[in-house]
């Protein structure tokens, strides 16, 4: 908005005037609604382009509010429709985990953990990715508290140590204390975002091409920039940095009722 502020940023102007950015945008909307409309549209376009049109109107609304803009989702959706900035539609997500099998299924105790900090519960997932001439396999480890990817690995073979390599990377980076729970995938796809927003949007020449793009997406974009709805529209990195100090309190576990463990014991 050069006509409005010259070379001085809105943040700097608000600091000099000792007013909040939200207050400034409210004033602008009431006094110069046409200018405010242009400013919001420009910000929407900037965010959409910055995130390669992966963001829908909810995340863009959250990003605008982080900037202090007073907007609602319906208004942002209307502007994105008018300016053809809606998120690029990707092909339907394909679930690769088959939970319909005759084998014994153990209780998922991870679902009963009440997390209070990082390095209490790590969740792992494994999937295949189709390249031009082959299939390769990717293993990912996330911290369930912050949804941050803390380890990942690629390999040509499913029988290799790809899952172990991802876990070793996570351990080396986080150095967890005793008491950490590591939970492997049991029908829940933690790689859905990666596939929809990166894998399905590109064609990779080979595993090294995939590795370069995956590193950029996971390490630079997903962990540091992408707003996560389950984290109050913060990125995993920011969420970890701003999480309140819990004094080292450990995760809590809710215990099973008798009828959940022995359902056949219930009276007819």
Protein backbone atom coordinates (compact mmCIF):
# COMPACT_ATOMS: atom_id res chain seq x y z
CA UNK A 1 0.00 0.00 0.00
CA UNK A 2 2.63 2.57 -1.11
CA UNK A 3 0.10 5.36 -1.67
CA UNK A 4 -1.01 5.01 1.91
CA UNK A 5 2.25 4.57 3.76
CA UNK A 6 5.21 5.20 1.48
CA UNK A 7 8.20 3.17 2.60
CA UNK A 8 7.03 2.79 6.21
CA UNK A 9 5.44 -0.57 7.06
CA UNK A 10 2.06 -0.78 8.78
CA UNK A 11 3.75 -2.41 11.76
CA UNK A 12 6.24 0.47 12.05
CA UNK A 13 3.51 3.10 11.66
CA UNK A 14 1.43 1.48 14.40
CA UNK A 15 4.45 1.31 16.69
CA UNK A 16 5.20 5.02 16.16
CA UNK A 17 1.55 5.96 16.74
CA UNK A 18 1.25 3.51 19.66
CA UNK A 19 -1.85 1.82 18.24
CA UNK A 20 -2.55 -1.81 17.44
CA UNK A 21 -2.57 -3.07 13.87
CA UNK A 22 -6.14 -4.28 14.36
CA UNK A 23 -7.15 -0.80 15.49
CA UNK A 24 -5.46 0.73 12.47
CA UNK A 25 -7.26 -1.57 10.04
CA UNK A 26 -10.60 -0.89 11.75
CA UNK A 27 -9.97 2.84 11.35
CA UNK A 28 -8.98 2.36 7.73
CA UNK A 29 -12.12 0.32 7.01
CA UNK A 30 -14.38 3.03 8.44
CA UNK A 31 -12.57 6.03 6.94
CA UNK A 32 -11.24 4.68 3.64
CA UNK A 33 -13.14 1.46 2.83
CA UNK A 34 -11.95 1.41 -0.78
CA UNK A 35 -8.31 1.57 0.28
CA UNK A 36 -8.87 -1.06 2.96
CA UNK A 37 -10.48 -3.38 0.40
CA UNK A 38 -7.45 -3.03 -1.86
CA UNK A 39 -5.05 -3.67 1.02
CA UNK A 40 -6.89 -6.85 2.01
CA UNK A 41 -7.01 -8.13 -1.57
CA UNK A 42 -3.30 -7.49 -1.99
CA UNK A 43 -2.54 -9.34 1.25
CA UNK A 44 -4.71 -12.29 0.19
CA UNK A 45 -2.89 -12.54 -3.13
CA UNK A 46 0.50 -12.29 -1.41
CA UNK A 47 -0.34 -15.10 1.03
CA UNK A 48 -1.86 -17.31 -1.68
CA UNK A 49 1.22 -16.95 -3.90
CA UNK A 50 3.63 -17.38 -0.98
CA UNK A 51 2.01 -20.71 -0.12
CA UNK A 52 1.73 -21.82 -3.78
CA UNK A 53 -2.07 -21.74 -3.57
CA UNK A 54 -2.10 -24.56 -1.02
CA UNK A 55 -4.12 -22.43 1.44
CA UNK A 56 -7.88 -22.40 1.48
CA UNK A 57 -9.91 -19.46 2.76
CA UNK A 58 -9.76 -20.58 6.41
CA UNK A 59 -5.97 -20.58 6.59
CA UNK A 60 -5.71 -17.34 4.64
CA UNK A 61 -8.19 -15.78 7.05
CA UNK A 62 -6.00 -16.92 9.95
CA UNK A 63 -2.88 -15.54 8.24
CA UNK A 64 -4.59 -12.17 7.70
CA UNK A 65 -5.62 -12.04 11.36
CA UNK A 66 -2.01 -12.73 12.34
CA UNK A 67 -1.24 -9.52 10.44
CA UNK A 68 -3.84 -7.67 12.46
CA UNK A 69 -6.45 -7.41 9.71
CA UNK A 70 -10.09 -7.51 10.79
CA UNK A 71 -11.66 -10.01 8.36
CA UNK A 72 -14.07 -12.92 8.44
CA UNK A 73 -13.98 -16.13 6.44
CA UNK A 74 -16.99 -15.31 4.25
CA UNK A 75 -15.41 -12.07 3.10
CA UNK A 76 -12.07 -13.75 2.39
CA UNK A 77 -13.80 -16.56 0.49
CA UNK A 78 -15.70 -14.03 -1.64
CA UNK A 79 -12.52 -12.14 -2.49
CA UNK A 80 -10.63 -15.33 -3.33
CA UNK A 81 -13.47 -16.44 -5.61
CA UNK A 82 -13.58 -13.07 -7.33
CA UNK A 83 -9.79 -12.99 -7.81
CA UNK A 84 -9.50 -16.69 -8.77
CA UNK A 85 -7.23 -17.45 -5.82
CA UNK A 86 -8.94 -20.51 -4.39
CA UNK A 87 -6.63 -23.35 -3.40
CA UNK A 88 -5.63 -25.64 -6.24
CA UNK A 89 -7.69 -28.80 -6.13
CA UNK A 90 -5.64 -31.97 -5.91
CA UNK A 91 -6.67 -35.49 -6.78
CA UNK A 92 -8.53 -37.53 -4.20
CA UNK A 93 -6.37 -38.78 -1.36
CA UNK A 94 -5.76 -42.54 -1.55
CA UNK A 95 -5.59 -44.40 1.76
CA UNK A 96 -2.76 -46.93 1.70
CA UNK A 97 -3.39 -48.58 5.08
CA UNK A 98 -5.73 -51.57 5.11
CA UNK A 99 -7.28 -51.97 8.56
CA UNK A 100 -9.77 -54.60 7.39
CA UNK A 101 -7.82 -57.79 8.08
CA UNK A 102 -8.19 -60.95 10.24
CA UNK A 103 -5.09 -60.29 12.34
CA UNK A 104 -5.16 -59.33 16.00
CA UNK A 105 -5.61 -55.61 16.62
CA UNK A 106 -4.16 -54.20 19.81
CA UNK A 107 -5.60 -51.27 21.76
CA UNK A 108 -4.39 -47.89 20.57
CA UNK A 109 -3.21 -46.48 23.89
CA UNK A 110 -1.75 -43.41 22.17
CA UNK A 111 -5.29 -42.06 21.73
CA UNK A 112 -5.69 -42.04 25.51
CA UNK A 113 -2.64 -39.91 26.20
CA UNK A 114 -3.17 -36.32 27.27
CA UNK A 115 -0.07 -34.56 25.95
CA UNK A 116 1.45 -31.58 27.72
CA UNK A 117 4.79 -31.08 25.93
CA UNK A 118 6.99 -32.25 23.09
CA UNK A 119 8.75 -35.63 23.14
CA UNK A 120 5.96 -37.43 24.97
CA UNK A 121 4.38 -39.16 21.98
CA UNK A 122 5.87 -39.67 18.52
CA UNK A 123 3.72 -41.09 15.73
CA UNK A 124 5.10 -42.77 12.63
CA UNK A 125 3.74 -43.41 9.16
CA UNK A 126 4.95 -45.19 6.03
CA UNK A 127 3.72 -44.76 2.47
CA UNK A 128 4.71 -45.39 -1.13
CA UNK A 129 5.24 -42.72 -3.78
CA UNK A 130 5.09 -43.34 -7.50
CA UNK A 131 7.89 -41.84 -9.58
CA UNK A 132 8.18 -41.90 -13.37
CA UNK A 133 9.74 -45.35 -13.51
CA UNK A 134 9.50 -46.84 -10.01
CA UNK A 135 7.89 -46.81 -6.59
CA UNK A 136 9.79 -45.57 -3.56
CA UNK A 137 8.89 -45.54 0.12
CA UNK A 138 8.81 -42.71 2.63
CA UNK A 139 8.77 -42.99 6.41
CA UNK A 140 7.90 -40.02 8.61
CA UNK A 141 7.98 -39.44 12.38
CA UNK A 142 5.93 -36.60 13.91
CA UNK A 143 5.75 -35.19 17.40
CA UNK A 144 2.06 -35.59 18.25
CA UNK A 145 2.06 -32.56 20.55
CA UNK A 146 3.13 -30.05 17.90
CA UNK A 147 2.51 -32.01 14.65
CA UNK A 148 6.12 -31.22 13.73
CA UNK A 149 7.94 -33.61 11.41
CA UNK A 150 11.04 -34.59 13.37
CA UNK A 151 12.38 -37.37 11.17
CA UNK A 152 11.86 -38.69 7.65
CA UNK A 153 13.59 -41.00 5.21
CA UNK A 154 13.27 -42.32 1.64
CA UNK A 155 14.30 -45.67 0.19
CA UNK A 156 13.76 -47.79 -2.90
CA UNK A 157 12.77 -50.83 -0.86
CA UNK A 158 10.08 -51.37 1.75
CA UNK A 159 12.21 -54.13 3.27
CA UNK A 160 15.05 -51.75 4.02
CA UNK A 161 15.54 -49.80 7.25
CA UNK A 162 13.59 -46.77 5.99
CA UNK A 163 11.39 -46.58 9.12
CA UNK A 164 14.40 -47.05 11.38
CA UNK A 165 16.31 -44.34 9.52
CA UNK A 166 13.48 -41.86 10.09
CA UNK A 167 13.37 -42.75 13.79
CA UNK A 168 17.15 -42.44 14.15
CA UNK A 169 17.00 -38.96 12.62
CA UNK A 170 14.29 -37.95 15.09
CA UNK A 171 16.25 -39.28 18.06
CA UNK A 172 19.44 -37.52 16.96
CA UNK A 173 17.62 -34.22 16.50
CA UNK A 174 15.36 -34.24 19.59
CA UNK A 175 17.39 -36.30 22.10
CA UNK A 176 14.27 -37.37 24.05
CA UNK A 177 14.34 -38.31 27.72
CA UNK A 178 13.14 -41.71 29.00
CA UNK A 179 9.37 -42.11 28.95
CA UNK A 180 8.76 -41.26 25.28
CA UNK A 181 6.10 -43.34 23.53
CA UNK A 182 6.71 -44.19 19.86
CA UNK A 183 3.50 -45.22 18.10
CA UNK A 184 3.45 -46.65 14.59
CA UNK A 185 0.61 -45.99 12.17
CA UNK A 186 -2.58 -48.02 12.66
CA UNK A 187 -4.89 -46.78 9.96
CA UNK A 188 -4.38 -43.05 10.59
CA UNK A 189 -2.58 -41.28 7.75
CA UNK A 190 -0.19 -38.64 9.07
CA UNK A 191 1.17 -38.09 5.53
CA UNK A 192 -2.10 -36.77 4.07
CA UNK A 193 -0.95 -33.12 4.00
CA UNK A 194 2.37 -34.02 2.40
CA UNK A 195 0.66 -36.02 -0.32
CA UNK A 196 -2.09 -33.54 -1.11
CA UNK A 197 0.00 -30.37 -1.00
CA UNK A 198 3.31 -31.62 -2.42
CA UNK A 199 3.43 -35.16 -3.81
CA UNK A 200 0.24 -35.00 -5.90
CA UNK A 201 1.17 -31.55 -7.26
CA UNK A 202 4.42 -32.63 -8.94
CA UNK A 203 6.02 -35.26 -11.13
CA UNK A 204 9.43 -36.34 -9.89
CA UNK A 205 12.21 -37.58 -12.11
CA UNK A 206 13.86 -39.86 -9.57
CA UNK A 207 14.32 -40.39 -5.84
CA UNK A 208 16.87 -37.57 -5.54
CA UNK A 209 14.44 -35.12 -7.15
CA UNK A 210 11.80 -36.28 -4.67
CA UNK A 211 14.28 -35.92 -1.80
CA UNK A 212 15.07 -32.30 -2.69
CA UNK A 213 11.44 -31.26 -2.95
CA UNK A 214 10.46 -33.20 0.18
CA UNK A 215 13.21 -31.50 2.17
CA UNK A 216 12.03 -28.07 1.05
CA UNK A 217 8.40 -28.88 1.82
CA UNK A 218 8.91 -30.58 5.19
CA UNK A 219 11.83 -28.68 6.68
CA UNK A 220 11.24 -25.19 5.30
CA UNK A 221 7.51 -25.00 4.62
CA UNK A 222 5.48 -27.50 6.69
CA UNK A 223 7.42 -27.16 9.95
CA UNK A 224 8.13 -23.44 9.79
CA UNK A 225 5.40 -21.73 7.76
CA UNK A 226 2.23 -23.77 7.25
CA UNK A 227 -0.54 -22.84 9.68
CA UNK A 228 -2.08 -25.89 11.35
CA UNK A 229 -5.74 -25.72 12.33
CA UNK A 230 -5.24 -28.10 15.27
CA UNK A 231 -2.56 -25.75 16.64
CA UNK A 232 -4.74 -22.65 16.65
CA UNK A 233 -3.47 -21.72 13.19
CA UNK A 234 0.18 -21.62 14.17
CA UNK A 235 3.02 -23.43 12.46
CA UNK A 236 4.54 -26.40 14.35
CA UNK A 237 7.74 -24.44 14.96
CA UNK A 238 5.93 -21.40 16.34
CA UNK A 239 3.61 -23.60 18.40
CA UNK A 240 6.57 -25.29 20.07
CA UNK A 241 8.23 -21.94 20.72
CA UNK A 242 5.12 -20.40 22.27
CA UNK A 243 3.81 -23.44 24.18
CA UNK A 244 3.45 -22.59 27.85
CA UNK A 245 5.89 -24.06 30.35
CA UNK A 246 4.21 -26.98 32.09
CA UNK A 247 6.94 -27.44 34.68
CA UNK A 248 7.99 -30.79 33.26
CA UNK A 249 4.59 -32.37 33.92
CA UNK A 250 4.38 -35.76 32.23
CA UNK A 251 1.66 -36.88 29.85
CA UNK A 252 -1.43 -38.37 31.48
CA UNK A 253 -3.21 -41.57 30.47
CA UNK A 254 -6.94 -42.23 30.73
CA UNK A 255 -7.60 -45.79 31.82
CA UNK A 256 -9.98 -48.26 30.19
CA UNK A 257 -13.25 -49.23 31.79
CA UNK A 258 -13.91 -52.89 32.47
CA UNK A 259 -16.52 -53.10 29.71
CA UNK A 260 -14.05 -51.71 27.17
CA UNK A 261 -11.52 -54.41 27.97
CA UNK A 262 -13.96 -57.30 28.40
CA UNK A 263 -17.02 -56.43 26.29
CA UNK A 264 -18.27 -60.06 26.34
CA UNK A 265 -18.63 -59.95 30.14
CA UNK A 266 -21.50 -57.50 29.96
CA UNK A 267 -24.92 -58.89 30.94
CA UNK A 268 -27.16 -59.95 28.06
